[in-house]
Amino acid sequence: MTNRQLIQTVDVHAAGEPGRVLMGSGLRVKGATMVERLRYCQDHLDDLRTLVLQEPRGYPGLCSPLIVPAADPSCDFGMIVMEQGGFRPMSGSNLICAVTALIETGAIDVSEPITTLRIDTAVGIVAVRAKVEGGRATMVTFDNVPAFVHGLDLPLDVPGYGTIPVDIVFGGQFYVQTTAEHLGVDLEPANAKEIIRAAAVMRKAADDAFHVVHPLIPEVDSIALPMIHGPARTEGTHGRNAVVLPNGEVDLDDPSTWSGTLDRSPCGTGTSGRVAAMFARGELAVGDEFVHESMMGTTFTAEVKEVASVGDFPAVVPTISGRGWITGFHQLVLECDDPFPVGYTVGDIWGPGMGRMRAGE
């Protein structure tokens, strides 16, 4: 290692969800396809992920889109998402953060009033239309990868909550989703700890109970995130949701580990999965809009663009619209004698098993 490692980032939030955009670190990623690159990150770059996301440079609510060269020559760039729970193939809020950073720093060719882009991901190509005014991205709209239902109203035994019906859906990642009523929680910010507890144990129970695998991309084979959703609370919206990101290992026999971090945004891939479930139930049709509200009161607008298929699964292509705001330009520094070369976590705000907790580990 050289005496000093520098990492250039642009910090952005999309509807409240922070994304630390890494624009110069993608050359470290190897692989001929985006799936191979995702696997390379998982196998070789976890130290970069924890260095950027964990303390002392990061915090539990932080994610980071890693910009890489596109594997598909028709695309403008590729993206792999670093979350506290690992490397992920796709994230709507992180895509909005990435597009906002690249447009507003002039890192890509920009056209006003609309800049069109194609983004390569490990689960497919995402087409983007960004509204640009005065050099700023005032709205980012993307046609997500096809979203589909793995199962609706599946019975799931959730420790502490009983047997509840859940939907297993894919919207860029696999989700387990259920209503707030089924878990006995109220989707208000003041109830964050209760919501996190319920969502964390539901995700772990679902991942243990259900075998999922993307029919075209077998490397995507786990239930990554939970969503709890409920009716609209705000005029002009159609529903509210809470998605909880893991920040430690969950043990179903140890309630003290049932923890996580609330997604501050309405969640793009989670909303895509929700739209797929609603379409399957006949609650949405092609062309219908669905305005999803976060726990913070921010919104993403989804639209059912068209029907599709993924292997043998009927699917829909959801269009998601939202906005990002740059919050900072940073140069992260790692000195060669730093006692925490890959970051650290402490049990006061982090869950167990999330990272190194002592110098020298």
Protein backbone atom coordinates (compact mmCIF):
# COMPACT_ATOMS: atom_id res chain seq x y z
CA MET A 1 0.00 0.00 0.00
CA THR A 2 1.18 3.55 -0.75
CA ASN A 3 1.56 6.04 2.06
CA ARG A 4 -1.85 7.54 1.40
CA GLN A 5 -4.93 6.28 -0.43
CA LEU A 6 -7.37 8.88 -1.77
CA ILE A 7 -10.96 8.13 -2.75
CA GLN A 8 -12.95 10.82 -4.56
CA THR A 9 -16.69 10.87 -3.88
CA VAL A 10 -19.77 12.95 -4.54
CA ASP A 11 -22.36 12.67 -1.79
CA VAL A 12 -25.99 12.90 -2.92
CA HIS A 13 -29.35 12.13 -1.40
CA ALA A 14 -32.31 10.82 -3.39
CA ALA A 15 -35.58 11.70 -1.66
CA GLY A 16 -33.66 11.56 1.63
CA GLU A 17 -31.61 8.38 1.08
CA PRO A 18 -27.87 9.15 1.11
CA GLY A 19 -25.68 7.78 -1.66
CA ARG A 20 -21.91 8.30 -1.74
CA VAL A 21 -21.08 8.13 -5.45
CA LEU A 22 -17.66 6.66 -6.23
CA MET A 23 -16.66 7.96 -9.64
CA GLY A 24 -12.98 7.01 -9.74
CA SER A 25 -12.75 3.63 -8.02
CA GLY A 26 -14.47 1.50 -10.68
CA LEU A 27 -11.26 0.70 -12.55
CA ARG A 28 -10.44 -1.71 -9.74
CA VAL A 29 -13.39 -3.91 -10.79
CA LYS A 30 -12.64 -6.80 -13.13
CA GLY A 31 -14.90 -9.02 -15.25
CA ALA A 32 -16.25 -9.30 -18.79
CA THR A 33 -19.92 -8.96 -17.78
CA MET A 34 -21.70 -6.98 -15.08
CA VAL A 35 -22.54 -10.24 -13.29
CA GLU A 36 -18.85 -11.15 -13.24
CA ARG A 37 -18.03 -7.67 -11.96
CA LEU A 38 -20.59 -7.96 -9.18
CA ARG A 39 -19.09 -11.29 -8.19
CA TYR A 40 -15.57 -9.81 -8.31
CA CYS A 41 -16.65 -7.03 -5.95
CA GLN A 42 -18.16 -9.57 -3.55
CA ASP A 43 -15.00 -11.70 -3.62
CA HIS A 44 -12.28 -9.03 -3.68
CA LEU A 45 -13.50 -5.54 -2.80
CA ASP A 46 -15.37 -5.92 0.47
CA ASP A 47 -12.64 -3.94 2.24
CA LEU A 48 -13.41 -0.98 -0.06
CA ARG A 49 -17.10 -1.29 0.79
CA THR A 50 -16.56 -1.24 4.54
CA LEU A 51 -13.92 1.50 4.29
CA VAL A 52 -16.39 3.80 2.52
CA LEU A 53 -19.61 2.90 4.36
CA GLN A 54 -18.54 2.20 7.94
CA GLU A 55 -17.00 4.41 10.56
CA PRO A 56 -15.08 6.66 10.80
CA ARG A 57 -15.96 7.76 7.23
CA GLY A 58 -19.47 6.37 7.01
CA TYR A 59 -22.58 5.64 9.06
CA PRO A 60 -25.35 3.00 9.14
CA GLY A 61 -27.71 4.80 6.76
CA LEU A 62 -25.13 5.28 4.01
CA CYS A 63 -25.04 3.45 0.65
CA SER A 64 -22.63 3.95 -2.24
CA PRO A 65 -23.10 3.46 -6.00
CA LEU A 66 -19.82 2.41 -7.60
CA ILE A 67 -19.49 3.71 -11.17
CA VAL A 68 -17.77 1.21 -13.47
CA PRO A 69 -17.25 1.02 -17.24
CA ALA A 70 -20.22 -0.50 -19.03
CA ALA A 71 -19.87 -4.11 -20.17
CA ASP A 72 -22.54 -3.55 -22.83
CA PRO A 73 -21.21 -1.13 -25.50
CA SER A 74 -24.66 0.44 -25.89
CA CYS A 75 -24.53 1.75 -22.32
CA ASP A 76 -23.01 4.96 -20.97
CA PHE A 77 -21.70 3.45 -17.75
CA GLY A 78 -22.21 0.60 -15.34
CA MET A 79 -23.25 0.62 -11.69
CA ILE A 80 -22.76 -1.72 -8.75
CA VAL A 81 -24.27 -0.76 -5.40
CA MET A 82 -22.49 -1.01 -2.08
CA GLU A 83 -24.90 -1.36 0.85
CA GLN A 84 -24.27 -2.16 4.49
CA GLY A 85 -25.46 -5.70 3.80
CA GLY A 86 -23.10 -6.26 0.86
CA PHE A 87 -22.79 -5.58 -2.87
CA ARG A 88 -26.14 -5.35 -4.69
CA PRO A 89 -26.99 -5.46 -8.41
CA MET A 90 -29.46 -2.57 -8.50
CA SER A 91 -30.93 0.24 -6.39
CA GLY A 92 -33.31 2.94 -7.55
CA SER A 93 -32.29 5.63 -5.08
CA ASN A 94 -28.60 4.93 -5.71
CA LEU A 95 -29.17 5.14 -9.46
CA ILE A 96 -30.78 8.56 -8.99
CA CYS A 97 -27.79 9.62 -6.87
CA ALA A 98 -25.34 8.37 -9.52
CA VAL A 99 -27.11 10.09 -12.42
CA THR A 100 -27.39 13.34 -10.46
CA ALA A 101 -23.68 13.33 -9.60
CA LEU A 102 -22.53 12.51 -13.13
CA ILE A 103 -24.75 15.15 -14.75
CA GLU A 104 -24.07 17.95 -12.29
CA THR A 105 -20.28 17.45 -12.29
CA GLY A 106 -20.12 17.30 -16.09
CA ALA A 107 -18.65 13.80 -16.01
CA ILE A 108 -20.92 12.75 -18.90
CA ASP A 109 -22.28 14.57 -21.94
CA VAL A 110 -25.37 16.53 -20.91
CA SER A 111 -28.22 17.79 -23.08
CA GLU A 112 -30.94 20.17 -21.90
CA PRO A 113 -33.82 19.83 -21.32
CA ILE A 114 -33.54 16.00 -21.42
CA THR A 115 -30.45 13.84 -21.08
CA THR A 116 -30.93 10.19 -22.04
CA LEU A 117 -28.68 7.47 -20.68
CA ARG A 118 -28.37 3.70 -20.60
CA ILE A 119 -26.97 2.16 -17.42
CA ASP A 120 -25.53 -1.34 -17.29
CA THR A 121 -26.32 -3.38 -14.17
CA ALA A 122 -25.93 -7.02 -13.20
CA VAL A 123 -29.70 -7.53 -13.56
CA GLY A 124 -30.11 -5.75 -16.89
CA ILE A 125 -29.94 -2.44 -18.71
CA VAL A 126 -31.80 0.54 -17.26
CA ALA A 127 -32.91 3.37 -19.57
CA VAL A 128 -32.82 6.83 -18.00
CA ARG A 129 -34.33 10.19 -18.93
CA ALA A 130 -33.11 13.06 -16.78
CA LYS A 131 -34.71 16.48 -16.85
CA VAL A 132 -31.90 19.04 -16.74
CA GLU A 133 -32.27 22.76 -16.02
CA GLY A 134 -29.27 25.03 -15.72
CA GLY A 135 -26.94 22.07 -15.44
CA ARG A 136 -28.90 20.48 -12.61
CA ALA A 137 -30.84 17.23 -12.75
CA THR A 138 -34.28 18.28 -11.54
CA MET A 139 -35.93 14.89 -12.14
CA VAL A 140 -34.56 11.44 -12.93
CA THR A 141 -36.88 8.91 -14.56
CA PHE A 142 -35.78 5.37 -15.29
CA ASP A 143 -37.33 2.27 -16.82
CA ASN A 144 -36.31 -0.35 -14.31
CA VAL A 145 -35.43 -3.93 -15.10
CA PRO A 146 -38.54 -6.15 -15.31
CA ALA A 147 -40.19 -6.73 -11.94
CA PHE A 148 -42.02 -9.95 -11.15
CA VAL A 149 -43.84 -11.88 -8.43
CA HIS A 150 -42.30 -15.00 -6.93
CA GLY A 151 -45.33 -15.60 -4.71
CA LEU A 152 -48.33 -13.77 -3.26
CA ASP A 153 -49.86 -14.19 0.20
CA LEU A 154 -47.41 -16.90 1.18
CA PRO A 155 -47.69 -17.93 4.85
CA LEU A 156 -44.59 -17.06 6.85
CA ASP A 157 -43.90 -17.79 10.49
CA VAL A 158 -42.29 -14.66 11.90
CA PRO A 159 -40.94 -15.06 15.45
CA GLY A 160 -42.70 -12.67 17.79
CA TYR A 161 -45.43 -11.88 15.24
CA GLY A 162 -47.02 -15.21 14.33
CA THR A 163 -47.87 -16.50 10.86
CA ILE A 164 -48.55 -13.71 8.39
CA PRO A 165 -49.15 -13.55 4.60
CA VAL A 166 -46.24 -12.10 2.64
CA ASP A 167 -45.39 -11.36 -0.99
CA ILE A 168 -42.02 -12.36 -2.40
CA VAL A 169 -41.22 -10.06 -5.31
CA PHE A 170 -38.30 -8.95 -7.45
CA GLY A 171 -37.78 -5.31 -8.45
CA GLY A 172 -34.02 -5.28 -8.97
CA GLN A 173 -33.46 -7.18 -5.71
CA PHE A 174 -35.66 -9.78 -4.03
CA TYR A 175 -38.00 -8.43 -1.35
CA VAL A 176 -40.37 -9.81 1.23
CA GLN A 177 -43.32 -7.45 1.58
CA THR A 178 -46.38 -7.31 3.82
CA THR A 179 -48.82 -4.80 5.27
CA ALA A 180 -48.19 -2.90 8.49
CA GLU A 181 -51.47 -4.28 9.80
CA HIS A 182 -50.19 -7.86 9.60
CA LEU A 183 -47.23 -6.96 11.83
CA GLY A 184 -49.17 -4.68 14.18
CA VAL A 185 -47.02 -1.60 13.49
CA ASP A 186 -47.98 1.93 12.52
CA LEU A 187 -45.94 3.54 9.74
CA GLU A 188 -45.03 6.74 11.54
CA PRO A 189 -41.46 7.99 12.08
CA ALA A 190 -41.93 7.89 15.86
CA ASN A 191 -42.36 4.11 15.60
CA ALA A 192 -39.06 3.57 13.79
CA LYS A 193 -37.64 1.11 16.33
CA GLU A 194 -40.76 -1.08 16.23
CA ILE A 195 -40.82 -0.99 12.43
CA ILE A 196 -37.13 -1.89 12.17
CA ARG A 197 -37.53 -4.77 14.61
CA ALA A 198 -40.48 -6.26 12.72
CA ALA A 199 -38.96 -5.81 9.28
CA ALA A 200 -35.56 -7.22 10.24
CA VAL A 201 -36.95 -10.45 11.68
CA MET A 202 -39.40 -10.82 8.78
CA ARG A 203 -36.58 -10.61 6.21
CA LYS A 204 -34.46 -13.18 8.00
CA ALA A 205 -37.41 -15.55 8.44
CA ALA A 206 -38.33 -15.21 4.76
CA ASP A 207 -34.77 -15.74 3.55
CA ASP A 208 -34.62 -18.93 5.61
CA ALA A 209 -38.07 -20.16 4.53
CA PHE A 210 -38.19 -19.43 0.79
CA HIS A 211 -35.80 -20.44 -1.96
CA VAL A 212 -35.50 -17.68 -4.54
CA VAL A 213 -33.30 -17.40 -7.61
CA HIS A 214 -33.50 -15.05 -10.55
CA PRO A 215 -34.38 -17.22 -13.57
CA LEU A 216 -31.79 -15.52 -15.80
CA ILE A 217 -29.15 -14.56 -13.23
CA PRO A 218 -28.66 -17.41 -10.75
CA GLU A 219 -26.17 -15.36 -8.73
CA VAL A 220 -29.14 -13.33 -7.44
CA ASP A 221 -30.50 -15.89 -4.98
CA SER A 222 -31.45 -14.32 -1.67
CA ILE A 223 -34.13 -12.11 -0.17
CA ALA A 224 -32.15 -8.94 0.39
CA LEU A 225 -34.66 -6.50 1.85
CA PRO A 226 -38.03 -6.23 3.61
CA MET A 227 -40.80 -3.73 2.92
CA ILE A 228 -43.73 -2.95 5.19
CA HIS A 229 -46.42 -0.98 3.40
CA GLY A 230 -49.68 0.66 4.26
CA PRO A 231 -52.37 3.04 2.99
CA ALA A 232 -51.70 6.62 1.96
CA ARG A 233 -51.36 9.21 4.71
CA THR A 234 -50.70 12.28 2.56
CA GLU A 235 -52.85 13.89 -0.12
CA GLY A 236 -51.59 13.10 -3.61
CA THR A 237 -49.99 9.79 -2.64
CA HIS A 238 -51.26 6.23 -2.95
CA GLY A 239 -49.35 4.47 -0.20
CA ARG A 240 -46.61 4.69 2.41
CA ASN A 241 -43.80 2.23 3.03
CA ALA A 242 -40.82 1.43 5.19
CA VAL A 243 -37.83 -0.54 3.90
CA VAL A 244 -35.18 -1.62 6.38
CA LEU A 245 -31.55 -2.15 5.39
CA PRO A 246 -29.54 -4.69 7.40
CA ASN A 247 -26.83 -3.30 9.66
CA GLY A 248 -25.89 -6.56 11.36
CA GLU A 249 -26.58 -10.29 11.49
CA VAL A 250 -30.09 -11.25 12.60
CA ASP A 251 -30.52 -14.28 14.85
CA LEU A 252 -34.16 -15.39 14.98
CA ASP A 253 -33.60 -16.73 18.51
CA ASP A 254 -32.09 -13.48 19.81
CA PRO A 255 -34.44 -10.46 19.64
CA SER A 256 -31.57 -8.13 20.56
CA THR A 257 -30.22 -8.67 17.01
CA TRP A 258 -33.44 -7.66 15.27
CA SER A 259 -32.05 -4.34 14.06
CA GLY A 260 -31.42 -2.37 10.90
CA THR A 261 -31.63 1.09 9.35
CA LEU A 262 -34.65 2.71 7.74
CA ASP A 263 -34.40 3.57 4.06
CA ARG A 264 -34.97 7.31 4.02
CA SER A 265 -36.38 7.23 0.47
CA PRO A 266 -39.53 5.52 -0.87
CA CYS A 267 -37.17 2.85 -2.32
CA GLY A 268 -37.04 2.42 -6.09
CA THR A 269 -36.52 -1.35 -6.36
CA GLY A 270 -38.93 -1.99 -3.48
CA THR A 271 -41.56 0.17 -5.13
CA SER A 272 -40.97 -1.72 -8.38
CA GLY A 273 -41.64 -4.99 -6.58
CA ARG A 274 -44.75 -3.52 -4.97
CA VAL A 275 -46.01 -2.41 -8.39
CA ALA A 276 -45.48 -5.95 -9.74
CA ALA A 277 -47.56 -7.38 -6.90
CA MET A 278 -50.32 -4.80 -7.36
CA PHE A 279 -50.40 -5.49 -11.11
CA ALA A 280 -50.66 -9.23 -10.46
CA ARG A 281 -53.64 -8.60 -8.16
CA GLY A 282 -55.37 -6.39 -10.71
CA GLU A 283 -54.89 -3.26 -8.57
CA LEU A 284 -52.83 -1.50 -11.26
CA ALA A 285 -52.98 -1.59 -15.06
CA VAL A 286 -50.53 -0.57 -17.78
CA GLY A 287 -50.27 3.21 -17.75
CA ASP A 288 -51.40 3.61 -14.13
CA GLU A 289 -49.33 5.71 -11.74
CA PHE A 290 -48.56 4.88 -8.12
CA VAL A 291 -47.10 7.57 -5.86
CA HIS A 292 -45.20 5.92 -3.01
CA GLU A 293 -44.34 7.89 0.13
CA SER A 294 -41.38 7.26 2.40
CA MET A 295 -41.31 7.51 6.18
CA MET A 296 -39.72 10.93 5.63
CA GLY A 297 -42.65 12.20 3.57
CA THR A 298 -40.73 12.15 0.26
CA THR A 299 -42.11 10.42 -2.81
CA PHE A 300 -41.21 8.40 -5.89
CA THR A 301 -43.74 8.16 -8.70
CA ALA A 302 -44.05 4.74 -10.34
CA GLU A 303 -45.84 3.86 -13.56
CA VAL A 304 -46.55 0.49 -15.11
CA LYS A 305 -44.89 1.06 -18.48
CA GLU A 306 -45.52 -2.31 -20.12
CA VAL A 307 -45.82 -6.02 -19.55
CA ALA A 308 -42.81 -8.29 -19.93
CA SER A 309 -41.54 -11.69 -18.89
CA VAL A 310 -38.51 -12.98 -17.02
CA GLY A 311 -37.99 -16.64 -17.84
CA ASP A 312 -41.34 -18.25 -17.03
CA PHE A 313 -42.43 -15.40 -14.75
CA PRO A 314 -44.92 -12.78 -16.01
CA ALA A 315 -43.43 -9.36 -15.32
CA VAL A 316 -43.92 -5.63 -15.75
CA VAL A 317 -41.48 -2.85 -16.57
CA PRO A 318 -41.90 -0.18 -13.87
CA THR A 319 -40.91 3.41 -14.53
CA ILE A 320 -39.69 5.27 -11.43
CA SER A 321 -39.26 9.04 -11.10
CA GLY A 322 -37.48 10.90 -8.31
CA ARG A 323 -34.91 13.56 -7.61
CA GLY A 324 -31.46 13.79 -6.04
CA TRP A 325 -29.53 16.63 -4.43
CA ILE A 326 -25.75 16.89 -4.09
CA THR A 327 -24.74 17.36 -0.45
CA GLY A 328 -20.96 17.34 -0.66
CA PHE A 329 -17.73 16.69 -2.52
CA HIS A 330 -15.30 14.57 -0.55
CA GLN A 331 -11.81 13.18 -0.68
CA LEU A 332 -11.68 10.21 1.67
CA VAL A 333 -8.21 9.52 3.01
CA LEU A 334 -6.66 6.28 4.26
CA GLU A 335 -3.17 6.58 5.73
CA CYS A 336 -0.90 3.52 5.68
CA ASP A 337 -0.68 3.48 9.48
CA ASP A 338 -4.39 3.98 10.18
CA PRO A 339 -5.38 1.38 12.83
CA PHE A 340 -8.75 0.95 11.05
CA PRO A 341 -7.76 0.32 7.40
CA VAL A 342 -11.17 -1.12 6.46
CA GLY A 343 -13.36 0.88 8.84
CA TYR A 344 -15.08 -0.32 11.99
CA THR A 345 -18.45 -0.67 13.70
CA VAL A 346 -19.42 -0.23 17.35
CA GLY A 347 -22.37 -1.89 19.04
CA ASP A 348 -23.98 1.37 20.13
CA ILE A 349 -25.43 2.03 16.65
CA TRP A 350 -24.41 -1.07 14.65
CA GLY A 351 -25.78 -4.59 14.79
CA PRO A 352 -23.59 -7.60 15.63
CA GLY A 353 -21.35 -9.21 13.04
CA MET A 354 -21.37 -6.17 10.76
CA GLY A 355 -17.67 -5.34 10.76
CA ARG A 356 -14.51 -5.10 12.76
CA MET A 357 -14.98 -3.64 16.23
CA ARG A 358 -11.37 -3.33 17.42
CA ALA A 359 -8.12 -1.98 16.01
CA GLY A 360 -6.01 -4.68 14.40
CA GLU A 361 -8.86 -7.13 13.72
